[in-house]
Structures are given as structure tokens and as C-alpha cells.
Protein backbone atom coordinates (compact mmCIF):
# COMPACT_ATOMS: atom_id res chain seq x y z
CA MET A 1 7.22 49.07 39.50
CA ASP A 2 4.52 50.42 41.45
CA GLY A 3 1.49 48.80 43.30
CA GLU A 4 -0.56 48.88 39.88
CA GLU A 5 1.69 47.47 37.95
CA ILE A 6 2.34 44.71 40.75
CA ASN A 7 -1.24 44.06 40.66
CA GLN A 8 -1.71 43.59 36.53
CA ASN A 9 1.22 41.08 36.59
CA ALA A 10 -0.01 39.19 39.62
CA ILE A 11 -0.21 35.13 39.49
CA GLN A 12 -3.70 34.14 39.25
CA ILE A 13 -4.32 31.40 41.53
CA ASP A 14 -6.56 28.51 40.06
CA TYR A 15 -9.04 26.81 43.09
CA GLY A 16 -10.68 24.48 40.85
CA GLU A 17 -14.08 23.89 41.09
CA GLY A 18 -13.81 25.69 44.39
CA SER A 19 -12.48 28.98 45.70
CA ALA A 20 -9.51 30.10 47.91
CA ALA A 21 -11.66 29.29 51.18
CA ALA A 22 -12.31 25.95 49.97
CA PRO A 23 -10.05 25.05 47.08
CA GLY A 24 -10.31 21.91 44.73
CA PHE A 25 -13.66 19.79 43.77
CA PRO A 26 -16.78 19.67 45.70
CA ASP A 27 -18.29 16.33 47.24
CA MET A 28 -20.29 14.38 44.70
CA PRO A 29 -24.04 13.99 45.08
CA ASP A 30 -25.69 11.21 46.53
CA TRP A 31 -27.70 11.00 43.29
CA PHE A 32 -24.42 10.93 40.93
CA GLU A 33 -21.51 9.61 42.41
CA GLY A 34 -20.05 8.30 39.14
CA LYS A 35 -20.47 7.54 35.24
CA GLN A 36 -23.06 4.90 36.40
CA HIS A 37 -25.15 7.49 37.48
CA PHE A 38 -25.87 8.98 34.55
CA LEU A 39 -29.38 8.16 33.89
CA ASN A 40 -30.23 9.98 36.67
CA ILE A 41 -29.65 12.77 35.32
CA VAL A 42 -31.95 12.08 32.22
CA ALA A 43 -34.60 11.07 34.91
CA GLY A 44 -34.15 14.63 36.68
CA LEU A 45 -34.20 16.44 33.12
CA GLN A 46 -37.16 14.88 32.02
CA LYS A 47 -39.11 14.87 35.67
CA THR A 48 -38.41 19.02 35.82
CA GLY A 49 -40.29 18.79 31.86
CA PHE A 50 -37.62 19.16 29.23
CA SER A 51 -38.74 16.94 26.41
CA GLU A 52 -37.27 13.99 24.78
CA THR A 53 -35.04 16.30 22.42
CA GLU A 54 -33.89 18.89 24.78
CA VAL A 55 -33.07 15.99 27.26
CA HIS A 56 -31.19 14.14 24.09
CA ALA A 57 -29.59 17.35 23.33
CA ILE A 58 -28.08 18.67 27.08
CA MET A 59 -27.13 14.98 26.97
CA GLY A 60 -24.66 15.24 24.34
CA ASN A 61 -26.13 15.59 20.88
CA ASN A 62 -24.85 19.21 21.27
CA TRP A 63 -21.41 18.49 20.95
CA PHE A 64 -22.21 15.64 18.10
CA ARG A 65 -23.34 18.38 15.80
CA PHE A 66 -21.03 21.12 17.00
CA PHE A 67 -17.76 18.60 16.51
CA PRO A 68 -18.55 18.49 12.73
CA GLU A 69 -19.54 21.76 11.87
CA ASN A 70 -16.66 23.50 13.47
CA PHE A 71 -13.64 20.91 13.45
CA ALA A 72 -14.92 19.18 10.00
CA ALA A 73 -11.49 18.01 7.70
CA VAL A 74 -10.30 21.09 5.99
């Protein structure tokens, strides 16, 4: 086996949200420490100028549309 074959068969390491230098999940920001802070995301999107329709889409309506369109019973 030459170097190129070894490279192609190398095991890939998943570092999660981090990198080789900083593996793992980064600390949560102060404004979002858990599910109870989802409304902070809504407020931030509205403050930045997203419309109500855009905020609803970002916060979950895209998933409500996606699932029935793509996983409907056959």
C-alpha cells in the first residue's frame, strides 16, 4: 500500500462542533443557555429586521412544511 492509498483509507475523526485544536461543543452564549431562551432568538431576529413570516419560518415553520412534503405516507 502506498501513501496515497493509506491517505484515502484514513479514518476521519469527528470533532463535533469544534476542531482538532478545540474538540467538543462550544460553551453556550449568555443569551441562550437552554430551551427556555428560545424567545431571545425570536427577539433578536425581529430586532435585526426579519419579518414575522421570516421569523416563523426560521423558528420551525420550514420543518412543518418540509416533513409532510417529503415524508408523506405512500
